[in-house]
Amino acid sequence: MKDFKSIISDIDQRKFAPIYFLVGEKETFFVDLIAEKIEATVLTEDEKAFNQSILYGKDVTINDVVSQAKQYPMMADHRVIIVREAQSLLKNIDTLSSYVEHPQQNTILVFCVKYKKMDGRQKITKLLKKSAVYFETKPMYDDKVPQWISETLSTSGYTIAPKASEMLVEFLGNNLSHIYKELEKLQDILPKGAKITPELIEENIGISKDFNNFELTKAIGIKDEVKAQRIVAYFSQSPKNHPIILTTAQLNSFFSKLLRYHALKDKSQYAASSALGVNPYFVKDYSFAAQKYSMKKASQAIALIREVDMKSKGVNSNQIPPGDLLKELLVKLMR
């Protein structure tokens, strides 16, 4: 299996394969990006009229696809066939085997399989992995998304402040498609080489740079009770926009990493950054928090956070409002 970067690099260098089989069971962003790259790169606009076909799995059979794939290009070097919603063809995907073994070299055939997983035990899956460009994308963990944001912007000539990345992840989670669209909006209005700041995120995407889980966690880490209470009060005004489940998840992650930070022998910036899986910029937050919370206090904090999380889900509680649960949590954490 090739990884995303090597596939894109090959396409940029016009090193095309006869078959691309792209699978995204949960995360479909990279499937779309590779297909769009092929669609935009292989043929000129004039060549596309006679040599590019976009098919949909629900409307065709494997035989229909193969029939088109065997046709020769007209006044072009390649013919491109992109099969979207190819998951609809998986029941009969075995019938593709003979074509995979002997593909038309002038055709670039792309299958986009979404929200389904290939059975690795099937003969056709093994054959595709051996003879085609087989790419299977997996969901990206939240702590890896900021680095992906930075790398994505870097390829376009932009940079982003670490806090701005964290704001996007908090607001959009690991939905790469949504994040990418927001980044595109920012790049449309900013000059090449610009640095995306929290202020720009707030102005153009609508995420508050001061009232978010990132700032709440930071305030709790240094035991700034006034700021923490102010943020919680803000959350209480619009609980749907600030789900408590995301807040408790963020706090649990922070204190879990704080425990690991306490246990580190080498607490230097880059060593701690690597061990904790965070941007070096944020190591200082753990250093400050370690002065306020011993290992015992950090363990107690995790227990308190999990208790609030359970209560927010209706366990051992009488429908206490999320804001009240967070206020109670702050009182206990600040002791």
C-alpha atoms as a PDB file:
ATOM      1  CA  MET A   1       0.000   0.000   0.000  1.00  0.00           C
ATOM      2  CA  LYS A   2       1.232   3.467  -0.847  1.00  0.00           C
ATOM      3  CA  ASP A   3       0.737   6.388   1.486  1.00  0.00           C
ATOM      4  CA  PHE A   4      -1.053   9.593   0.556  1.00  0.00           C
ATOM      5  CA  LYS A   5       2.037  11.742   0.033  1.00  0.00           C
ATOM      6  CA  SER A   6       3.755   9.270  -2.293  1.00  0.00           C
ATOM      7  CA  ILE A   7       0.588   8.864  -4.372  1.00  0.00           C
ATOM      8  CA  ILE A   8       0.200  12.641  -4.764  1.00  0.00           C
ATOM      9  CA  SER A   9       3.906  12.979  -5.556  1.00  0.00           C
ATOM     10  CA  ASP A  10       3.669  10.351  -8.299  1.00  0.00           C
ATOM     11  CA  ILE A  11       0.616  12.056  -9.813  1.00  0.00           C
ATOM     12  CA  ASP A  12       2.416  15.417  -9.806  1.00  0.00           C
ATOM     13  CA  GLN A  13       5.288  13.745 -11.667  1.00  0.00           C
ATOM     14  CA  ARG A  14       2.754  12.172 -14.058  1.00  0.00           C
ATOM     15  CA  LYS A  15       3.674   8.676 -12.933  1.00  0.00           C
ATOM     16  CA  PHE A  16       0.193   7.236 -13.295  1.00  0.00           C
ATOM     17  CA  ALA A  17      -1.019   3.747 -12.426  1.00  0.00           C
ATOM     18  CA  PRO A  18      -3.710   1.891 -14.424  1.00  0.00           C
ATOM     19  CA  ILE A  19      -5.844   1.308 -11.317  1.00  0.00           C
ATOM     20  CA  TYR A  20      -6.346   3.285  -8.098  1.00  0.00           C
ATOM     21  CA  PHE A  21      -8.492   1.629  -5.443  1.00  0.00           C
ATOM     22  CA  LEU A  22      -9.202   4.155  -2.699  1.00  0.00           C
ATOM     23  CA  VAL A  23     -10.961   3.101   0.507  1.00  0.00           C
ATOM     24  CA  GLY A  24     -12.212   5.328   3.327  1.00  0.00           C
ATOM     25  CA  GLU A  25     -14.325   3.489   5.891  1.00  0.00           C
ATOM     26  CA  LYS A  26     -14.664   6.411   8.311  1.00  0.00           C
ATOM     27  CA  GLU A  27     -12.404   9.163   7.013  1.00  0.00           C
ATOM     28  CA  THR A  28     -13.115   9.922   3.332  1.00  0.00           C
ATOM     29  CA  PHE A  29     -11.175  13.150   2.896  1.00  0.00           C
ATOM     30  CA  PHE A  30      -8.051  11.603   1.358  1.00  0.00           C
ATOM     31  CA  VAL A  31     -10.120   9.428  -0.971  1.00  0.00           C
ATOM     32  CA  ASP A  32     -11.733  12.556  -2.428  1.00  0.00           C
ATOM     33  CA  LEU A  33      -8.448  14.446  -2.566  1.00  0.00           C
ATOM     34  CA  ILE A  34      -6.619  11.748  -4.561  1.00  0.00           C
ATOM     35  CA  ALA A  35      -9.547  11.343  -6.970  1.00  0.00           C
ATOM     36  CA  GLU A  36      -9.780  15.115  -7.453  1.00  0.00           C
ATOM     37  CA  LYS A  37      -6.016  15.307  -8.023  1.00  0.00           C
ATOM     38  CA  ILE A  38      -6.219  12.698 -10.775  1.00  0.00           C
ATOM     39  CA  GLU A  39      -9.258  14.405 -12.303  1.00  0.00           C
ATOM     40  CA  ALA A  40      -7.438  17.751 -12.386  1.00  0.00           C
ATOM     41  CA  THR A  41      -3.999  16.517 -13.481  1.00  0.00           C
ATOM     42  CA  VAL A  42      -4.134  13.771 -16.093  1.00  0.00           C
ATOM     43  CA  LEU A  43      -6.076  15.405 -18.915  1.00  0.00           C
ATOM     44  CA  THR A  44      -6.333  18.903 -20.309  1.00  0.00           C
ATOM     45  CA  GLU A  45      -9.748  20.539 -20.431  1.00  0.00           C
ATOM     46  CA  ASP A  46      -9.989  19.813 -24.169  1.00  0.00           C
ATOM     47  CA  GLU A  47      -9.082  16.149 -23.673  1.00  0.00           C
ATOM     48  CA  LYS A  48     -11.639  15.600 -20.912  1.00  0.00           C
ATOM     49  CA  ALA A  49     -14.654  15.889 -23.219  1.00  0.00           C
ATOM     50  CA  PHE A  50     -13.865  12.570 -24.958  1.00  0.00           C
ATOM     51  CA  ASN A  51     -11.617  10.823 -22.448  1.00  0.00           C
ATOM     52  CA  GLN A  52     -12.954  11.373 -18.947  1.00  0.00           C
ATOM     53  CA  SER A  53     -15.970   9.641 -17.425  1.00  0.00           C
ATOM     54  CA  ILE A  54     -17.414  10.033 -13.933  1.00  0.00           C
ATOM     55  CA  LEU A  55     -19.489   6.977 -13.028  1.00  0.00           C
ATOM     56  CA  TYR A  56     -21.523   6.192  -9.915  1.00  0.00           C
ATOM     57  CA  GLY A  57     -21.503   2.733  -8.390  1.00  0.00           C
ATOM     58  CA  LYS A  58     -25.249   2.672  -7.805  1.00  0.00           C
ATOM     59  CA  ASP A  59     -25.882   3.251 -11.530  1.00  0.00           C
ATOM     60  CA  VAL A  60     -23.418   0.812 -13.119  1.00  0.00           C
ATOM     61  CA  THR A  61     -22.096  -2.741 -12.867  1.00  0.00           C
ATOM     62  CA  ILE A  62     -18.503  -3.964 -12.783  1.00  0.00           C
ATOM     63  CA  ASN A  63     -18.939  -5.088 -16.393  1.00  0.00           C
ATOM     64  CA  ASP A  64     -20.036  -1.567 -17.360  1.00  0.00           C
ATOM     65  CA  VAL A  65     -16.928  -0.120 -15.737  1.00  0.00           C
ATOM     66  CA  VAL A  66     -14.597  -2.663 -17.338  1.00  0.00           C
ATOM     67  CA  SER A  67     -16.200  -2.107 -20.727  1.00  0.00           C
ATOM     68  CA  GLN A  68     -15.447   1.598 -20.536  1.00  0.00           C
ATOM     69  CA  ALA A  69     -11.971   0.987 -19.130  1.00  0.00           C
ATOM     70  CA  LYS A  70     -11.039  -1.143 -22.143  1.00  0.00           C
ATOM     71  CA  GLN A  71     -11.763   1.664 -24.598  1.00  0.00           C
ATOM     72  CA  TYR A  72      -8.793   3.520 -26.054  1.00  0.00           C
ATOM     73  CA  PRO A  73      -8.310   7.258 -25.562  1.00  0.00           C
ATOM     74  CA  MET A  74      -9.171   9.672 -28.387  1.00  0.00           C
ATOM     75  CA  MET A  75      -6.490  12.198 -29.309  1.00  0.00           C
ATOM     76  CA  ALA A  76      -4.938  11.901 -25.841  1.00  0.00           C
ATOM     77  CA  ASP A  77      -2.439   9.694 -24.034  1.00  0.00           C
ATOM     78  CA  HIS A  78      -4.877   8.555 -21.361  1.00  0.00           C
ATOM     79  CA  ARG A  79      -8.485   7.822 -20.620  1.00  0.00           C
ATOM     80  CA  VAL A  80      -9.699   8.575 -17.052  1.00  0.00           C
ATOM     81  CA  ILE A  81     -12.610   6.784 -15.422  1.00  0.00           C
ATOM     82  CA  ILE A  82     -13.555   7.707 -11.858  1.00  0.00           C
ATOM     83  CA  VAL A  83     -16.103   5.498 -10.115  1.00  0.00           C
ATOM     84  CA  ARG A  84     -17.659   7.369  -7.207  1.00  0.00           C
ATOM     85  CA  GLU A  85     -19.796   5.577  -4.580  1.00  0.00           C
ATOM     86  CA  ALA A  86     -17.948   2.420  -5.586  1.00  0.00           C
ATOM     87  CA  GLN A  87     -19.031   0.771  -2.338  1.00  0.00           C
ATOM     88  CA  SER A  88     -22.249  -0.113  -4.188  1.00  0.00           C
ATOM     89  CA  LEU A  89     -20.193  -2.481  -6.358  1.00  0.00           C
ATOM     90  CA  LEU A  90     -18.492  -4.418  -3.569  1.00  0.00           C
ATOM     91  CA  LYS A  91     -20.926  -7.359  -3.653  1.00  0.00           C
ATOM     92  CA  ASN A  92     -19.644  -8.294  -7.091  1.00  0.00           C
ATOM     93  CA  ILE A  93     -16.148  -6.856  -6.828  1.00  0.00           C
ATOM     94  CA  ASP A  94     -14.598 -10.294  -7.457  1.00  0.00           C
ATOM     95  CA  THR A  95     -15.590  -9.964 -11.125  1.00  0.00           C
ATOM     96  CA  LEU A  96     -12.993  -7.204 -11.407  1.00  0.00           C
ATOM     97  CA  SER A  97     -10.155  -9.717 -10.937  1.00  0.00           C
ATOM     98  CA  SER A  98      -9.489 -10.469 -14.597  1.00  0.00           C
ATOM     99  CA  TYR A  99      -9.230  -6.753 -15.423  1.00  0.00           C
ATOM    100  CA  VAL A 100      -6.889  -6.104 -12.467  1.00  0.00           C
ATOM    101  CA  GLU A 101      -4.608  -8.855 -13.784  1.00  0.00           C
ATOM    102  CA  HIS A 102      -4.581  -7.372 -17.296  1.00  0.00           C
ATOM    103  CA  PRO A 103      -5.542  -3.676 -17.153  1.00  0.00           C
ATOM    104  CA  GLN A 104      -5.685  -1.342 -20.135  1.00  0.00           C
ATOM    105  CA  GLN A 105      -2.438   0.590 -19.760  1.00  0.00           C
ATOM    106  CA  ASN A 106      -3.786   3.774 -21.357  1.00  0.00           C
ATOM    107  CA  THR A 107      -6.708   3.921 -18.928  1.00  0.00           C
ATOM    108  CA  ILE A 108      -6.552   5.325 -15.417  1.00  0.00           C
ATOM    109  CA  LEU A 109      -9.369   3.662 -13.490  1.00  0.00           C
ATOM    110  CA  VAL A 110     -10.183   5.080 -10.052  1.00  0.00           C
ATOM    111  CA  PHE A 111     -12.522   3.465  -7.522  1.00  0.00           C
ATOM    112  CA  CYS A 112     -13.712   5.593  -4.588  1.00  0.00           C
ATOM    113  CA  VAL A 113     -15.049   3.346  -1.816  1.00  0.00           C
ATOM    114  CA  LYS A 114     -16.578   5.202   1.130  1.00  0.00           C
ATOM    115  CA  TYR A 115     -18.013   4.125   4.483  1.00  0.00           C
ATOM    116  CA  LYS A 116     -17.179   0.488   3.796  1.00  0.00           C
ATOM    117  CA  LYS A 117     -14.208  -1.694   4.591  1.00  0.00           C
ATOM    118  CA  MET A 118     -12.605  -4.228   2.279  1.00  0.00           C
ATOM    119  CA  ASP A 119     -12.268  -7.789   3.526  1.00  0.00           C
ATOM    120  CA  GLY A 120      -8.531  -8.416   3.655  1.00  0.00           C
ATOM    121  CA  ARG A 121      -9.108 -12.156   3.314  1.00  0.00           C
ATOM    122  CA  GLN A 122     -10.730 -11.838  -0.109  1.00  0.00           C
ATOM    123  CA  LYS A 123      -8.687 -12.769  -3.150  1.00  0.00           C
ATOM    124  CA  ILE A 124      -9.623  -9.531  -4.921  1.00  0.00           C
ATOM    125  CA  THR A 125      -8.364  -7.415  -1.998  1.00  0.00           C
ATOM    126  CA  LYS A 126      -5.020  -9.198  -2.022  1.00  0.00           C
ATOM    127  CA  LEU A 127      -4.841  -8.836  -5.792  1.00  0.00           C
ATOM    128  CA  LEU A 128      -5.598  -5.102  -5.652  1.00  0.00           C
ATOM    129  CA  LYS A 129      -2.941  -4.547  -3.002  1.00  0.00           C
ATOM    130  CA  LYS A 130      -0.436  -6.387  -5.186  1.00  0.00           C
ATOM    131  CA  SER A 131      -1.287  -5.066  -8.643  1.00  0.00           C
ATOM    132  CA  ALA A 132      -2.990  -1.681  -8.183  1.00  0.00           C
ATOM    133  CA  VAL A 133      -2.416   1.475  -6.161  1.00  0.00           C
ATOM    134  CA  TYR A 134      -4.416   0.451  -3.119  1.00  0.00           C
ATOM    135  CA  PHE A 135      -4.952   3.161  -0.533  1.00  0.00           C
ATOM    136  CA  GLU A 136      -6.932   2.731   2.670  1.00  0.00           C
ATOM    137  CA  THR A 137      -7.320   5.756   4.899  1.00  0.00           C
ATOM    138  CA  LYS A 138      -7.930   5.615   8.631  1.00  0.00           C
ATOM    139  CA  PRO A 139      -9.350   8.291  10.942  1.00  0.00           C
ATOM    140  CA  MET A 140      -6.729  10.697  12.229  1.00  0.00           C
ATOM    141  CA  TYR A 141      -6.463  11.031  15.995  1.00  0.00           C
ATOM    142  CA  ASP A 142      -7.186  14.514  17.351  1.00  0.00           C
ATOM    143  CA  ASP A 143      -3.641  15.004  18.628  1.00  0.00           C
ATOM    144  CA  LYS A 144      -2.260  14.432  15.103  1.00  0.00           C
ATOM    145  CA  VAL A 145      -4.568  16.924  13.400  1.00  0.00           C
ATOM    146  CA  PRO A 146      -2.664  20.144  14.363  1.00  0.00           C
ATOM    147  CA  GLN A 147       0.468  18.796  12.679  1.00  0.00           C
ATOM    148  CA  TRP A 148      -1.575  17.888   9.591  1.00  0.00           C
ATOM    149  CA  ILE A 149      -3.029  21.416   9.525  1.00  0.00           C
ATOM    150  CA  SER A 150       0.447  22.920   9.710  1.00  0.00           C
ATOM    151  CA  GLU A 151       1.810  20.649   6.956  1.00  0.00           C
ATOM    152  CA  THR A 152      -1.212  21.275   4.721  1.00  0.00           C
ATOM    153  CA  LEU A 153      -0.837  25.039   5.014  1.00  0.00           C
ATOM    154  CA  SER A 154       2.917  24.832   4.545  1.00  0.00           C
ATOM    155  CA  THR A 155       2.506  23.243   1.101  1.00  0.00           C
ATOM    156  CA  SER A 156       0.407  26.264   0.104  1.00  0.00           C
ATOM    157  CA  GLY A 157       2.864  28.795   1.509  1.00  0.00           C
ATOM    158  CA  TYR A 158       1.070  29.630   4.766  1.00  0.00           C
ATOM    159  CA  THR A 159       1.826  29.120   8.457  1.00  0.00           C
ATOM    160  CA  ILE A 160      -0.424  28.896  11.498  1.00  0.00           C
ATOM    161  CA  ALA A 161      -0.013  29.684  15.187  1.00  0.00           C
ATOM    162  CA  PRO A 162      -0.219  26.593  17.437  1.00  0.00           C
ATOM    163  CA  LYS A 163      -3.152  28.038  19.361  1.00  0.00           C
ATOM    164  CA  ALA A 164      -5.034  28.683  16.113  1.00  0.00           C
ATOM    165  CA  SER A 165      -4.586  25.023  15.151  1.00  0.00           C
ATOM    166  CA  GLU A 166      -5.914  23.905  18.514  1.00  0.00           C
ATOM    167  CA  MET A 167      -8.952  26.162  18.108  1.00  0.00           C
ATOM    168  CA  LEU A 168      -9.786  24.516  14.779  1.00  0.00           C
ATOM    169  CA  VAL A 169      -9.408  21.021  16.215  1.00  0.00           C
ATOM    170  CA  GLU A 170     -11.556  21.859  19.207  1.00  0.00           C
ATOM    171  CA  PHE A 171     -14.286  23.347  17.029  1.00  0.00           C
ATOM    172  CA  LEU A 172     -14.198  20.849  14.137  1.00  0.00           C
ATOM    173  CA  GLY A 173     -12.680  17.748  15.732  1.00  0.00           C
ATOM    174  CA  ASN A 174     -10.849  15.427  13.332  1.00  0.00           C
ATOM    175  CA  ASN A 175     -13.209  16.051  10.415  1.00  0.00           C
ATOM    176  CA  LEU A 176     -10.496  16.805   7.880  1.00  0.00           C
ATOM    177  CA  SER A 177     -12.940  17.750   5.132  1.00  0.00           C
ATOM    178  CA  HIS A 178     -14.491  20.506   7.252  1.00  0.00           C
ATOM    179  CA  ILE A 179     -11.095  21.746   8.438  1.00  0.00           C
ATOM    180  CA  TYR A 180      -9.755  21.821   4.881  1.00  0.00           C
ATOM    181  CA  LYS A 181     -12.734  23.883   3.700  1.00  0.00           C
ATOM    182  CA  GLU A 182     -12.178  26.412   6.485  1.00  0.00           C
ATOM    183  CA  LEU A 183      -8.480  26.609   5.635  1.00  0.00           C
ATOM    184  CA  GLU A 184      -9.364  27.233   2.000  1.00  0.00           C
ATOM    185  CA  LYS A 185     -11.602  30.133   3.050  1.00  0.00           C
ATOM    186  CA  LEU A 186      -8.743  31.680   4.999  1.00  0.00           C
ATOM    187  CA  GLN A 187      -6.292  31.237   2.134  1.00  0.00           C
ATOM    188  CA  ASP A 188      -8.735  32.942  -0.221  1.00  0.00           C
ATOM    189  CA  ILE A 189      -8.688  36.129   1.834  1.00  0.00           C
ATOM    190  CA  LEU A 190      -5.095  36.134   3.068  1.00  0.00           C
ATOM    191  CA  PRO A 191      -1.959  36.977   1.061  1.00  0.00           C
ATOM    192  CA  LYS A 192       0.527  34.214   0.314  1.00  0.00           C
ATOM    193  CA  GLY A 193       2.942  33.725   3.181  1.00  0.00           C
ATOM    194  CA  ALA A 194       0.530  34.982   5.846  1.00  0.00           C
ATOM    195  CA  LYS A 195       0.410  33.478   9.308  1.00  0.00           C
ATOM    196  CA  ILE A 196      -3.014  32.363  10.522  1.00  0.00           C
ATOM    197  CA  THR A 197      -3.555  33.624  14.051  1.00  0.00           C
ATOM    198  CA  PRO A 198      -6.258  33.017  16.680  1.00  0.00           C
ATOM    199  CA  GLU A 199      -7.603  36.494  15.872  1.00  0.00           C
ATOM    200  CA  LEU A 200      -8.038  35.555  12.199  1.00  0.00           C
ATOM    201  CA  ILE A 201      -9.781  32.321  13.197  1.00  0.00           C
ATOM    202  CA  GLU A 202     -12.158  34.276  15.414  1.00  0.00           C
ATOM    203  CA  GLU A 203     -12.889  36.955  12.805  1.00  0.00           C
ATOM    204  CA  ASN A 204     -13.394  34.659   9.825  1.00  0.00           C
ATOM    205  CA  ILE A 205     -14.613  31.333  11.217  1.00  0.00           C
ATOM    206  CA  GLY A 206     -16.457  32.487  14.312  1.00  0.00           C
ATOM    207  CA  ILE A 207     -14.535  30.544  16.948  1.00  0.00           C
ATOM    208  CA  SER A 208     -13.871  32.582  20.073  1.00  0.00           C
ATOM    209  CA  LYS A 209     -10.177  32.925  20.842  1.00  0.00           C
ATOM    210  CA  ASP A 210     -10.887  33.598  24.528  1.00  0.00           C
ATOM    211  CA  PHE A 211     -13.839  31.351  25.363  1.00  0.00           C
ATOM    212  CA  ASN A 212     -13.013  27.804  24.349  1.00  0.00           C
ATOM    213  CA  ASN A 213     -11.910  24.515  25.875  1.00  0.00           C
ATOM    214  CA  PHE A 214      -8.279  25.268  25.108  1.00  0.00           C
ATOM    215  CA  GLU A 215      -8.363  28.467  27.189  1.00  0.00           C
ATOM    216  CA  LEU A 216     -10.408  26.772  29.936  1.00  0.00           C
ATOM    217  CA  THR A 217      -7.863  23.977  30.219  1.00  0.00           C
ATOM    218  CA  LYS A 218      -5.025  26.478  30.340  1.00  0.00           C
ATOM    219  CA  ALA A 219      -6.781  28.484  33.082  1.00  0.00           C
ATOM    220  CA  ILE A 220      -7.396  25.358  35.148  1.00  0.00           C
ATOM    221  CA  GLY A 221      -3.782  24.281  34.633  1.00  0.00           C
ATOM    222  CA  ILE A 222      -2.492  27.456  36.309  1.00  0.00           C
ATOM    223  CA  LYS A 223      -5.443  27.607  38.733  1.00  0.00           C
ATOM    224  CA  ASP A 224      -6.738  30.909  37.390  1.00  0.00           C
ATOM    225  CA  GLU A 225     -10.182  30.474  38.941  1.00  0.00           C
ATOM    226  CA  VAL A 226     -11.560  33.844  37.816  1.00  0.00           C
ATOM    227  CA  LYS A 227     -10.802  33.195  34.140  1.00  0.00           C
ATOM    228  CA  ALA A 228     -12.000  29.573  34.348  1.00  0.00           C
ATOM    229  CA  GLN A 229     -15.317  30.607  35.921  1.00  0.00           C
ATOM    230  CA  ARG A 230     -15.780  33.283  33.256  1.00  0.00           C
ATOM    231  CA  ILE A 231     -15.304  30.727  30.464  1.00  0.00           C
ATOM    232  CA  VAL A 232     -17.667  28.235  32.116  1.00  0.00           C
ATOM    233  CA  ALA A 233     -20.287  30.960  32.461  1.00  0.00           C
ATOM    234  CA  TYR A 234     -19.903  31.674  28.743  1.00  0.00           C
ATOM    235  CA  PHE A 235     -20.348  27.959  27.947  1.00  0.00           C
ATOM    236  CA  SER A 236     -23.482  27.877  30.109  1.00  0.00           C
ATOM    237  CA  GLN A 237     -25.148  30.479  27.894  1.00  0.00           C
ATOM    238  CA  SER A 238     -24.986  28.188  24.842  1.00  0.00           C
ATOM    239  CA  PRO A 239     -24.455  24.557  25.946  1.00  0.00           C
ATOM    240  CA  LYS A 240     -25.297  23.215  22.479  1.00  0.00           C
ATOM    241  CA  ASN A 241     -22.348  25.093  21.012  1.00  0.00           C
ATOM    242  CA  HIS A 242     -20.083  23.996  23.869  1.00  0.00           C
ATOM    243  CA  PRO A 243     -21.002  20.361  24.656  1.00  0.00           C
ATOM    244  CA  ILE A 244     -19.809  19.304  28.084  1.00  0.00           C
ATOM    245  CA  ILE A 245     -18.701  15.954  26.670  1.00  0.00           C
ATOM    246  CA  LEU A 246     -16.023  17.759  24.637  1.00  0.00           C
ATOM    247  CA  THR A 247     -14.941  19.807  27.639  1.00  0.00           C
ATOM    248  CA  THR A 248     -14.515  16.769  29.892  1.00  0.00           C
ATOM    249  CA  ALA A 249     -12.667  14.926  27.106  1.00  0.00           C
ATOM    250  CA  GLN A 250     -10.243  17.843  26.718  1.00  0.00           C
ATOM    251  CA  LEU A 251      -9.666  18.109  30.457  1.00  0.00           C
ATOM    252  CA  ASN A 252      -9.206  14.359  30.838  1.00  0.00           C
ATOM    253  CA  SER A 253      -6.629  14.374  28.042  1.00  0.00           C
ATOM    254  CA  PHE A 254      -4.752  17.290  29.625  1.00  0.00           C
ATOM    255  CA  PHE A 255      -4.488  15.750  33.094  1.00  0.00           C
ATOM    256  CA  SER A 256      -3.595  12.330  31.668  1.00  0.00           C
ATOM    257  CA  LYS A 257      -0.689  13.953  29.815  1.00  0.00           C
ATOM    258  CA  LEU A 258       0.196  15.894  32.959  1.00  0.00           C
ATOM    259  CA  LEU A 259       0.633  12.583  34.789  1.00  0.00           C
ATOM    260  CA  ARG A 260       2.945  11.415  32.016  1.00  0.00           C
ATOM    261  CA  TYR A 261       4.832  14.711  32.217  1.00  0.00           C
ATOM    262  CA  HIS A 262       5.429  14.186  35.950  1.00  0.00           C
ATOM    263  CA  ALA A 263       6.900  10.754  35.191  1.00  0.00           C
ATOM    264  CA  LEU A 264       9.308  12.005  32.511  1.00  0.00           C
ATOM    265  CA  LYS A 265      12.994  11.906  33.327  1.00  0.00           C
ATOM    266  CA  ASP A 266      13.794  14.364  30.556  1.00  0.00           C
ATOM    267  CA  LYS A 267      11.411  17.316  30.771  1.00  0.00           C
ATOM    268  CA  SER A 268      13.186  19.462  28.191  1.00  0.00           C
ATOM    269  CA  GLN A 269      10.891  21.095  25.648  1.00  0.00           C
ATOM    270  CA  TYR A 270      11.443  18.812  22.667  1.00  0.00           C
ATOM    271  CA  ALA A 271      11.812  15.601  24.666  1.00  0.00           C
ATOM    272  CA  ALA A 272       8.553  16.302  26.510  1.00  0.00           C
ATOM    273  CA  SER A 273       6.869  17.342  23.268  1.00  0.00           C
ATOM    274  CA  SER A 274       7.722  13.998  21.678  1.00  0.00           C
ATOM    275  CA  ALA A 275       6.727  11.973  24.734  1.00  0.00           C
ATOM    276  CA  LEU A 276       3.386  13.742  25.190  1.00  0.00           C
ATOM    277  CA  GLY A 277       2.541  14.064  21.494  1.00  0.00           C
ATOM    278  CA  VAL A 278       2.015  17.835  21.682  1.00  0.00           C
ATOM    279  CA  ASN A 279       3.453  20.856  19.913  1.00  0.00           C
ATOM    280  CA  PRO A 280       6.647  22.063  21.688  1.00  0.00           C
ATOM    281  CA  TYR A 281       4.881  25.415  22.149  1.00  0.00           C
ATOM    282  CA  PHE A 282       2.476  23.823  24.654  1.00  0.00           C
ATOM    283  CA  VAL A 283       5.037  22.048  26.845  1.00  0.00           C
ATOM    284  CA  LYS A 284       5.200  25.117  29.074  1.00  0.00           C
ATOM    285  CA  ASP A 285       1.512  24.627  29.935  1.00  0.00           C
ATOM    286  CA  TYR A 286       2.334  21.236  31.420  1.00  0.00           C
ATOM    287  CA  SER A 287       5.375  22.641  33.185  1.00  0.00           C
ATOM    288  CA  PHE A 288       3.239  25.325  34.858  1.00  0.00           C
ATOM    289  CA  ALA A 289       0.461  22.851  35.683  1.00  0.00           C
ATOM    290  CA  ALA A 290       2.950  20.435  37.246  1.00  0.00           C
ATOM    291  CA  GLN A 291       3.750  23.137  39.792  1.00  0.00           C
ATOM    292  CA  LYS A 292       0.074  23.419  40.742  1.00  0.00           C
ATOM    293  CA  TYR A 293      -0.898  19.745  40.571  1.00  0.00           C
ATOM    294  CA  SER A 294       1.226  16.965  42.026  1.00  0.00           C
ATOM    295  CA  MET A 295       0.859  13.453  40.594  1.00  0.00           C
ATOM    296  CA  LYS A 296      -1.664  12.718  43.334  1.00  0.00           C
ATOM    297  CA  LYS A 297      -3.639  15.889  42.568  1.00  0.00           C
ATOM    298  CA  ALA A 298      -3.576  15.145  38.835  1.00  0.00           C
ATOM    299  CA  SER A 299      -4.925  11.636  39.496  1.00  0.00           C
ATOM    300  CA  GLN A 300      -7.669  13.081  41.677  1.00  0.00           C
ATOM    301  CA  ALA A 301      -8.491  15.593  38.932  1.00  0.00           C
ATOM    302  CA  ILE A 302      -8.964  12.776  36.418  1.00  0.00           C
ATOM    303  CA  ALA A 303     -11.324  10.997  38.822  1.00  0.00           C
ATOM    304  CA  LEU A 304     -13.347  14.201  39.323  1.00  0.00           C
ATOM    305  CA  ILE A 305     -13.543  14.849  35.579  1.00  0.00           C
ATOM    306  CA  ARG A 306     -14.746  11.318  34.872  1.00  0.00           C
ATOM    307  CA  GLU A 307     -17.369  11.656  37.585  1.00  0.00           C
ATOM    308  CA  VAL A 308     -18.690  14.833  35.953  1.00  0.00           C
ATOM    309  CA  ASP A 309     -18.622  13.129  32.563  1.00  0.00           C
ATOM    310  CA  MET A 310     -20.791  10.294  33.883  1.00  0.00           C
ATOM    311  CA  LYS A 311     -23.192  12.732  35.539  1.00  0.00           C
ATOM    312  CA  SER A 312     -23.519  14.674  32.286  1.00  0.00           C
ATOM    313  CA  LYS A 313     -24.661  11.418  30.684  1.00  0.00           C
ATOM    314  CA  GLY A 314     -27.336  10.906  33.326  1.00  0.00           C
ATOM    315  CA  VAL A 315     -25.512   8.520  35.669  1.00  0.00           C
ATOM    316  CA  ASN A 316     -26.191   9.255  39.361  1.00  0.00           C
ATOM    317  CA  SER A 317     -27.583  12.711  38.633  1.00  0.00           C
ATOM    318  CA  ASN A 318     -30.944  14.431  38.442  1.00  0.00           C
ATOM    319  CA  GLN A 319     -30.458  16.205  35.114  1.00  0.00           C
ATOM    320  CA  ILE A 320     -28.057  18.784  36.510  1.00  0.00           C
ATOM    321  CA  PRO A 321     -27.394  21.502  33.890  1.00  0.00           C
ATOM    322  CA  PRO A 322     -23.952  21.154  32.221  1.00  0.00           C
ATOM    323  CA  GLY A 323     -22.922  24.614  33.395  1.00  0.00           C
ATOM    324  CA  ASP A 324     -23.613  23.714  37.018  1.00  0.00           C
ATOM    325  CA  LEU A 325     -21.626  20.490  36.676  1.00  0.00           C
ATOM    326  CA  LEU A 326     -18.638  22.414  35.356  1.00  0.00           C
ATOM    327  CA  LYS A 327     -18.885  25.054  38.082  1.00  0.00           C
ATOM    328  CA  GLU A 328     -18.911  22.299  40.696  1.00  0.00           C
ATOM    329  CA  LEU A 329     -15.921  20.681  39.017  1.00  0.00           C
ATOM    330  CA  LEU A 330     -13.961  23.944  39.071  1.00  0.00           C
ATOM    331  CA  VAL A 331     -14.546  24.382  42.798  1.00  0.00           C
ATOM    332  CA  LYS A 332     -13.135  20.904  43.468  1.00  0.00           C
ATOM    333  CA  LEU A 333     -10.189  21.266  41.090  1.00  0.00           C
ATOM    334  CA  MET A 334      -9.131  24.624  42.518  1.00  0.00           C
ATOM    335  CA  ARG A 335      -8.889  23.387  46.101  1.00  0.00           C
END
